[in-house]
Amino acid sequence: MVAIIVHGGAAKVAANVVESKLIDLRRSAKIGFLELIRKQSQPGAALDAVEKAVRSMEDSPYFNAGYGSSLTNSGHVEMDAIIADGRDLNFGAVASITDYSNPVSLAKKIMEHSEHCLFDRNGAHEFARQHGFVPISDSQQLVNDLAKQRLEEYKTFRNAIEVDKIKITDTEKPDDHDTVGSVAVDWFGNFAAATSTGGITGKLPGRIGDSPVIGSGAYADNEIGAVSTTGHGEAIMKVCLARDVLYRYEKLINQTNETKMNPMQRAIIESLKSMQQRVDGYGGVIAIGNGHGDIGFGFNTQAMPWAYITVDDNDIDQILSVIDKKVSDDNISKIPVRIHYGYHPNEHLEIIE
């Protein structure tokens, strides 16, 4: 199976933002899918596809990554990202960067052109300068109104707890885990995964979550599959959620399947349940496995926007005929693609757009 799947974070957002978020999410999945098609003869197609899909979400104000990043308690943006290559288990990652609007692309450059895998802010910024990345003129360019609103709501929430000592239920807590991610597999059976985030609203400066941590925020292995996660970073790191999903999947594909649920879907459910029981952790997962081309997605939060596209669902010859006319990413609406997507629990919708 050749496919791509994306997520927009394990978080319930304001009702007036949901549709805009889903539109941008489906568009990002489509951009990544068309990259898979364009480069079907190239072994690195999956890597390029997840990078482009995540870049698209980093450029949207509706996700907690890149331009839409959450703010620290001092009102600044600090971003983390990772990209992983299933061919050789290699990865590149950045943590707490401030001067570049597309952390996932910097992470990919690190993976491809450095003997190291993970850089903090200073090292990442220096590496970026050496490799021709153009910094933004002011990091406040990445601060948008939605992020400011989330920070103000967070501060109000914290003050209410500290001053009034009220008891807050889980459903009343601000939900701010809308990291973005993508997983893909190409014609060569090569897997790739990428995750990008602005962290959590009101975090202390320098805090780093799971997103840039291999085995937690993402993992890719051609022999098993690939995963991108989202949720409470501290909990995800404690259980190495991305690697745990693949570990469980690897066991399940060798067992007799007495249910209609594919092994990857079962692995995700088991991993999330275990994380909740062991460390009271909440989040979500997208993944593709190599056993049967299994696509999986799941979350134990109130919501998680996800979308996937497969070659099997689409007329590739027709798509290639349009791509040959050099349709740009800005005009991809001219290429009809069948997209599976959802937001609420147990929701699975389809659309051609």
Protein backbone atom coordinates (compact mmCIF):
# COMPACT_ATOMS: atom_id res chain seq x y z
CA MET A 1 0.00 0.00 0.00
CA VAL A 2 1.15 3.53 -0.83
CA ALA A 3 -0.42 6.02 1.56
CA ILE A 4 -0.06 9.07 3.76
CA ILE A 5 -1.79 9.98 7.01
CA VAL A 6 -1.67 13.24 8.98
CA HIS A 7 -2.89 14.45 12.36
CA GLY A 8 -3.58 17.93 13.69
CA GLY A 9 -3.10 17.16 17.37
CA ALA A 10 -4.97 15.38 20.14
CA ALA A 11 -6.99 18.39 21.19
CA LYS A 12 -10.54 19.68 21.16
CA VAL A 13 -10.59 23.19 19.76
CA ALA A 14 -13.18 25.96 19.73
CA ALA A 15 -16.20 25.13 17.56
CA ASN A 16 -15.61 28.10 15.27
CA VAL A 17 -12.11 26.81 14.43
CA VAL A 18 -12.88 23.13 13.75
CA GLU A 19 -13.93 23.44 10.08
CA SER A 20 -10.99 25.70 9.18
CA LYS A 21 -8.67 23.25 10.89
CA LEU A 22 -10.12 20.27 9.00
CA ILE A 23 -9.88 22.10 5.67
CA ASP A 24 -6.20 22.88 6.23
CA LEU A 25 -5.58 19.34 7.53
CA ARG A 26 -7.08 17.71 4.41
CA ARG A 27 -5.15 20.12 2.21
CA SER A 28 -1.90 19.16 3.96
CA ALA A 29 -2.64 15.45 3.47
CA LYS A 30 -3.32 16.13 -0.19
CA ILE A 31 -0.07 18.09 -0.63
CA GLY A 32 1.85 15.20 0.91
CA PHE A 33 0.02 12.63 -1.20
CA LEU A 34 0.70 14.49 -4.44
CA GLU A 35 4.38 14.59 -3.48
CA LEU A 36 4.26 10.78 -3.19
CA ILE A 37 2.78 10.65 -6.69
CA ARG A 38 5.22 13.14 -8.21
CA LYS A 39 8.22 11.24 -6.86
CA GLN A 40 6.95 7.69 -7.18
CA SER A 41 10.19 6.59 -8.86
CA GLN A 42 12.36 8.01 -6.08
CA PRO A 43 13.22 6.03 -2.91
CA GLY A 44 12.96 9.18 -0.79
CA ALA A 45 9.36 9.95 -1.73
CA ALA A 46 7.93 9.12 1.71
CA LEU A 47 10.36 11.48 3.44
CA ASP A 48 9.58 14.33 1.06
CA ALA A 49 5.85 13.68 1.43
CA VAL A 50 5.78 13.89 5.23
CA GLU A 51 7.98 16.99 5.17
CA LYS A 52 5.67 18.80 2.75
CA ALA A 53 2.54 17.76 4.65
CA VAL A 54 3.93 18.98 7.97
CA ARG A 55 5.29 22.19 6.42
CA SER A 56 1.80 22.95 5.18
CA MET A 57 0.40 22.61 8.70
CA GLU A 58 3.27 24.70 10.12
CA ASP A 59 2.20 27.48 7.74
CA SER A 60 -1.42 27.38 8.94
CA PRO A 61 -2.59 29.46 11.93
CA TYR A 62 -4.93 26.65 13.02
CA PHE A 63 -2.30 24.23 14.34
CA ASN A 64 0.15 24.37 17.21
CA ALA A 65 3.26 24.30 15.02
CA GLY A 66 5.22 26.87 13.06
CA TYR A 67 3.07 29.97 12.58
CA GLY A 68 0.35 28.70 14.92
CA SER A 69 2.71 27.73 17.77
CA SER A 70 1.64 28.03 21.38
CA LEU A 71 3.36 30.61 23.57
CA THR A 72 5.58 30.19 26.61
CA ASN A 73 4.55 31.90 29.85
CA SER A 74 6.57 34.91 28.70
CA GLY A 75 4.71 35.13 25.39
CA HIS A 76 7.37 33.72 23.06
CA VAL A 77 7.46 30.84 20.57
CA GLU A 78 9.75 27.82 21.03
CA MET A 79 9.34 25.01 18.50
CA ASP A 80 10.38 21.34 18.34
CA ALA A 81 10.34 18.97 15.36
CA ILE A 82 11.54 15.58 14.18
CA ILE A 83 11.65 13.60 10.94
CA ALA A 84 12.52 9.90 10.76
CA ASP A 85 13.62 7.64 7.89
CA GLY A 86 12.62 3.96 8.08
CA ARG A 87 15.32 2.83 5.67
CA ASP A 88 18.21 3.20 8.12
CA LEU A 89 16.49 4.30 11.37
CA ASN A 90 18.03 7.73 10.91
CA PHE A 91 16.36 10.91 12.14
CA GLY A 92 16.90 14.63 12.49
CA ALA A 93 15.43 16.82 15.21
CA VAL A 94 15.46 20.35 16.62
CA ALA A 95 14.41 21.62 20.04
CA SER A 96 13.27 25.06 21.23
CA ILE A 97 14.09 26.89 18.01
CA THR A 98 12.77 30.42 17.54
CA ASP A 99 14.10 31.91 14.32
CA TYR A 100 12.79 29.60 11.58
CA SER A 101 9.16 29.12 10.60
CA ASN A 102 9.43 25.52 9.32
CA PRO A 103 11.24 23.41 11.95
CA VAL A 104 10.50 20.15 10.12
CA SER A 105 12.58 21.23 7.12
CA LEU A 106 15.50 22.15 9.35
CA ALA A 107 15.19 18.74 11.05
CA LYS A 108 15.30 17.04 7.64
CA LYS A 109 18.41 18.99 6.65
CA ILE A 110 20.09 17.92 9.90
CA MET A 111 19.25 14.29 9.19
CA GLU A 112 20.66 14.48 5.69
CA HIS A 113 23.73 16.67 6.23
CA SER A 114 24.94 16.17 9.79
CA GLU A 115 26.59 13.36 11.68
CA HIS A 116 24.40 14.38 14.61
CA CYS A 117 20.67 13.81 15.02
CA LEU A 118 19.35 16.37 17.52
CA PHE A 119 20.26 20.02 18.05
CA ASP A 120 19.10 22.49 20.69
CA ARG A 121 18.28 26.07 19.77
CA ASN A 122 21.82 27.45 19.51
CA GLY A 123 23.18 24.50 17.55
CA ALA A 124 20.13 24.36 15.28
CA HIS A 125 20.28 28.07 14.51
CA GLU A 126 23.97 27.89 13.68
CA PHE A 127 23.44 24.80 11.51
CA ALA A 128 20.59 26.59 9.72
CA ARG A 129 22.77 29.60 8.94
CA GLN A 130 25.53 27.39 7.59
CA HIS A 131 23.09 25.62 5.26
CA GLY A 132 21.35 28.64 3.78
CA PHE A 133 18.17 28.79 5.82
CA VAL A 134 16.83 32.34 5.98
CA PRO A 135 15.74 33.35 9.50
CA ILE A 136 12.62 35.37 10.09
CA SER A 137 13.30 39.00 10.96
CA ASP A 138 11.41 38.85 14.24
CA SER A 139 10.27 35.74 16.13
CA GLN A 140 7.08 37.62 17.04
CA GLN A 141 6.05 37.10 13.40
CA LEU A 142 5.13 33.56 14.47
CA VAL A 143 2.77 34.80 17.19
CA ASN A 144 -0.85 34.87 16.04
CA ASP A 145 -4.12 35.85 17.68
CA LEU A 146 -5.24 32.28 18.39
CA ALA A 147 -2.01 31.60 20.31
CA LYS A 148 -2.41 34.83 22.28
CA GLN A 149 -5.97 33.82 23.14
CA ARG A 150 -4.83 30.38 24.33
CA LEU A 151 -2.18 31.96 26.57
CA GLU A 152 -4.70 34.37 28.08
CA GLU A 153 -7.15 31.52 28.71
CA TYR A 154 -4.34 29.48 30.28
CA LYS A 155 -3.37 32.31 32.63
CA THR A 156 -7.01 32.82 33.59
CA PHE A 157 -7.37 29.10 34.23
CA ARG A 158 -4.22 28.97 36.37
CA ASN A 159 -5.30 31.99 38.39
CA ALA A 160 -8.70 30.44 39.01
CA ILE A 161 -7.10 27.29 40.41
CA GLU A 162 -4.50 29.05 42.52
CA VAL A 163 -6.78 31.77 43.90
CA ASP A 164 -10.07 29.95 44.30
CA LYS A 165 -8.66 26.43 44.86
CA ILE A 166 -11.48 25.03 42.73
CA LYS A 167 -11.54 21.43 41.54
CA ILE A 168 -11.36 21.14 37.77
CA THR A 169 -12.56 18.10 35.85
CA ASP A 170 -10.65 16.85 32.83
CA THR A 171 -13.33 18.12 30.46
CA GLU A 172 -12.95 21.66 31.83
CA LYS A 173 -9.19 21.85 31.49
CA PRO A 174 -7.75 23.80 28.56
CA ASP A 175 -6.93 21.33 25.80
CA ASP A 176 -3.63 22.25 24.15
CA HIS A 177 -2.03 19.19 22.60
CA ASP A 178 -2.51 20.10 18.93
CA THR A 179 0.91 19.08 17.68
CA VAL A 180 1.00 18.09 13.98
CA GLY A 181 2.42 15.01 12.33
CA SER A 182 2.50 12.79 9.25
CA VAL A 183 3.40 9.21 8.31
CA ALA A 184 3.85 7.84 4.79
CA VAL A 185 4.91 4.75 2.87
CA ASP A 186 6.00 4.90 -0.78
CA TRP A 187 6.23 2.47 -3.74
CA PHE A 188 9.55 1.10 -2.50
CA GLY A 189 8.07 0.19 0.88
CA ASN A 190 10.04 2.98 2.53
CA PHE A 191 8.45 4.51 5.62
CA ALA A 192 8.84 7.99 7.05
CA ALA A 193 7.37 9.97 9.93
CA ALA A 194 7.48 13.61 10.99
CA THR A 195 6.17 15.57 13.97
CA SER A 196 6.25 19.31 14.72
CA THR A 197 5.00 21.38 17.64
CA GLY A 198 5.00 24.68 19.44
CA GLY A 199 4.80 22.85 22.75
CA ILE A 200 2.18 23.61 25.37
CA THR A 201 0.73 26.98 26.24
CA GLY A 202 2.33 28.66 29.23
CA LYS A 203 5.29 26.29 29.36
CA LEU A 204 8.49 27.40 31.05
CA PRO A 205 11.14 28.62 28.59
CA GLY A 206 13.41 25.76 27.56
CA ARG A 207 10.85 23.03 28.20
CA ILE A 208 11.12 20.28 25.58
CA GLY A 209 8.37 17.72 25.08
CA ASP A 210 8.19 14.42 23.26
CA SER A 211 8.04 15.69 19.68
CA PRO A 212 11.81 15.82 18.93
CA VAL A 213 12.54 12.66 20.92
CA ILE A 214 13.00 9.57 18.74
CA GLY A 215 10.76 6.69 19.85
CA SER A 216 8.41 9.09 21.60
CA GLY A 217 7.29 11.80 19.15
CA ALA A 218 8.00 9.71 16.05
CA TYR A 219 9.65 6.54 14.81
CA ALA A 220 10.14 4.84 11.44
CA ASP A 221 11.43 1.37 10.62
CA ASN A 222 10.89 -0.25 7.22
CA GLU A 223 10.76 -3.67 8.88
CA ILE A 224 7.72 -2.68 10.99
CA GLY A 225 6.18 0.68 10.08
CA ALA A 226 6.11 4.31 11.17
CA VAL A 227 4.37 6.39 13.85
CA SER A 228 3.74 10.02 14.79
CA THR A 229 2.28 10.93 18.18
CA THR A 230 0.60 13.86 19.88
CA GLY A 231 -0.49 14.61 23.42
CA HIS A 232 1.00 15.27 26.83
CA GLY A 233 4.72 15.19 26.11
CA GLU A 234 5.93 14.21 29.55
CA ALA A 235 3.66 11.15 29.58
CA ILE A 236 4.54 10.17 26.01
CA MET A 237 8.26 10.27 26.79
CA LYS A 238 7.84 8.09 29.87
CA VAL A 239 6.34 5.25 27.83
CA CYS A 240 8.21 5.87 24.53
CA LEU A 241 4.80 5.85 22.85
CA ALA A 242 5.84 5.74 19.18
CA ARG A 243 8.16 2.77 19.67
CA ASP A 244 5.66 1.08 22.00
CA VAL A 245 3.02 1.14 19.26
CA LEU A 246 5.36 -0.56 16.80
CA TYR A 247 6.44 -3.09 19.41
CA ARG A 248 2.84 -4.09 20.02
CA TYR A 249 2.05 -4.08 16.30
CA GLU A 250 4.96 -6.38 15.55
CA LYS A 251 3.60 -8.91 18.04
CA LEU A 252 0.02 -8.64 16.79
CA ILE A 253 0.80 -9.27 13.11
CA ASN A 254 2.21 -12.65 14.08
CA GLN A 255 -0.94 -13.63 15.96
CA THR A 256 -4.24 -14.97 14.68
CA ASN A 257 -6.60 -12.04 14.22
CA GLU A 258 -10.06 -12.93 15.46
CA THR A 259 -11.41 -9.40 15.12
CA LYS A 260 -12.13 -7.17 12.12
CA MET A 261 -9.77 -4.53 13.49
CA ASN A 262 -6.42 -4.34 11.74
CA PRO A 263 -3.32 -5.04 13.91
CA MET A 264 -2.10 -1.43 13.83
CA GLN A 265 -5.42 -0.11 15.08
CA ARG A 266 -5.33 -2.64 17.93
CA ALA A 267 -1.73 -1.73 18.77
CA ILE A 268 -2.60 1.95 19.02
CA ILE A 269 -5.57 1.29 21.30
CA GLU A 270 -3.45 -0.94 23.55
CA SER A 271 -0.62 1.58 23.76
CA LEU A 272 -2.88 4.50 24.60
CA LYS A 273 -4.68 2.44 27.23
CA SER A 274 -1.38 1.42 28.78
CA MET A 275 -0.12 5.02 28.83
CA GLN A 276 -3.29 6.16 30.55
CA GLN A 277 -3.07 3.40 33.16
CA ARG A 278 0.66 3.69 33.85
CA VAL A 279 1.25 7.46 33.82
CA ASP A 280 -2.23 9.01 33.48
CA GLY A 281 -1.25 10.09 29.96
CA TYR A 282 -3.51 11.35 27.20
CA GLY A 283 -2.80 11.76 23.52
CA GLY A 284 -3.16 10.35 20.04
CA VAL A 285 -1.33 8.33 17.40
CA ILE A 286 -1.25 7.91 13.63
CA ALA A 287 0.66 5.03 12.06
CA ILE A 288 1.12 2.78 9.04
CA GLY A 289 2.36 -0.80 9.40
CA ASN A 290 4.14 -2.93 6.84
CA GLY A 291 2.50 -6.24 7.69
CA HIS A 292 -0.66 -5.68 5.69
CA GLY A 293 -0.37 -2.03 4.75
CA ASP A 294 -2.29 -1.32 7.93
CA ILE A 295 -3.32 2.29 8.58
CA GLY A 296 -4.10 3.15 12.19
CA PHE A 297 -5.20 6.19 14.16
CA GLY A 298 -6.53 6.63 17.68
CA PHE A 299 -6.74 8.96 20.66
CA ASN A 300 -7.97 9.02 24.25
CA THR A 301 -8.58 12.77 24.29
CA GLN A 302 -11.85 14.50 23.42
CA ALA A 303 -10.87 14.88 19.76
CA MET A 304 -8.07 14.56 17.20
CA PRO A 305 -8.31 15.66 13.57
CA TRP A 306 -6.81 13.10 11.20
CA ALA A 307 -6.86 12.43 7.47
CA TYR A 308 -5.40 9.79 5.19
CA ILE A 309 -5.17 9.15 1.45
CA THR A 310 -4.24 5.92 -0.32
CA VAL A 311 -3.26 5.11 -3.89
CA ASP A 312 -5.86 2.33 -3.93
CA ASP A 313 -8.66 4.90 -3.54
CA ASN A 314 -7.57 7.13 -6.40
CA ASP A 315 -7.02 7.12 -10.16
CA ILE A 316 -3.26 7.66 -10.28
CA ASP A 317 -3.13 8.00 -14.10
CA GLN A 318 -5.66 10.81 -13.95
CA ILE A 319 -3.76 12.53 -11.15
CA LEU A 320 -0.48 12.22 -13.04
CA SER A 321 -2.03 13.75 -16.15
CA VAL A 322 -2.94 16.85 -14.14
CA ILE A 323 0.36 16.96 -12.27
CA ASP A 324 2.13 16.90 -15.66
CA LYS A 325 0.52 20.28 -16.30
CA LYS A 326 2.66 21.51 -13.41
CA VAL A 327 -0.17 22.37 -11.04
CA SER A 328 1.35 24.03 -7.98
CA ASP A 329 0.53 23.38 -4.34
CA ASP A 330 -1.36 26.68 -4.35
CA ASN A 331 -3.77 25.32 -6.94
CA ILE A 332 -4.17 21.69 -5.89
CA SER A 333 -7.98 22.01 -5.84
CA LYS A 334 -7.84 21.18 -9.55
CA ILE A 335 -6.83 17.61 -8.66
CA PRO A 336 -9.72 15.61 -7.14
CA VAL A 337 -8.56 13.19 -4.45
CA ARG A 338 -10.53 10.88 -2.14
CA ILE A 339 -9.68 11.69 1.47
CA HIS A 340 -10.66 9.81 4.62
CA TYR A 341 -10.86 12.02 7.70
CA GLY A 342 -12.37 12.53 11.15
CA TYR A 343 -12.29 14.61 14.29
CA HIS A 344 -14.59 13.12 16.95
CA PRO A 345 -14.24 9.64 18.48
CA ASN A 346 -15.49 6.82 16.20
CA GLU A 347 -15.92 9.25 13.31
CA HIS A 348 -14.80 8.19 9.82
CA LEU A 349 -15.82 10.41 6.92
CA GLU A 350 -14.87 10.54 3.24
CA ILE A 351 -14.71 13.43 0.82
CA ILE A 352 -13.46 14.04 -2.70
CA GLU A 353 -11.82 17.42 -2.97
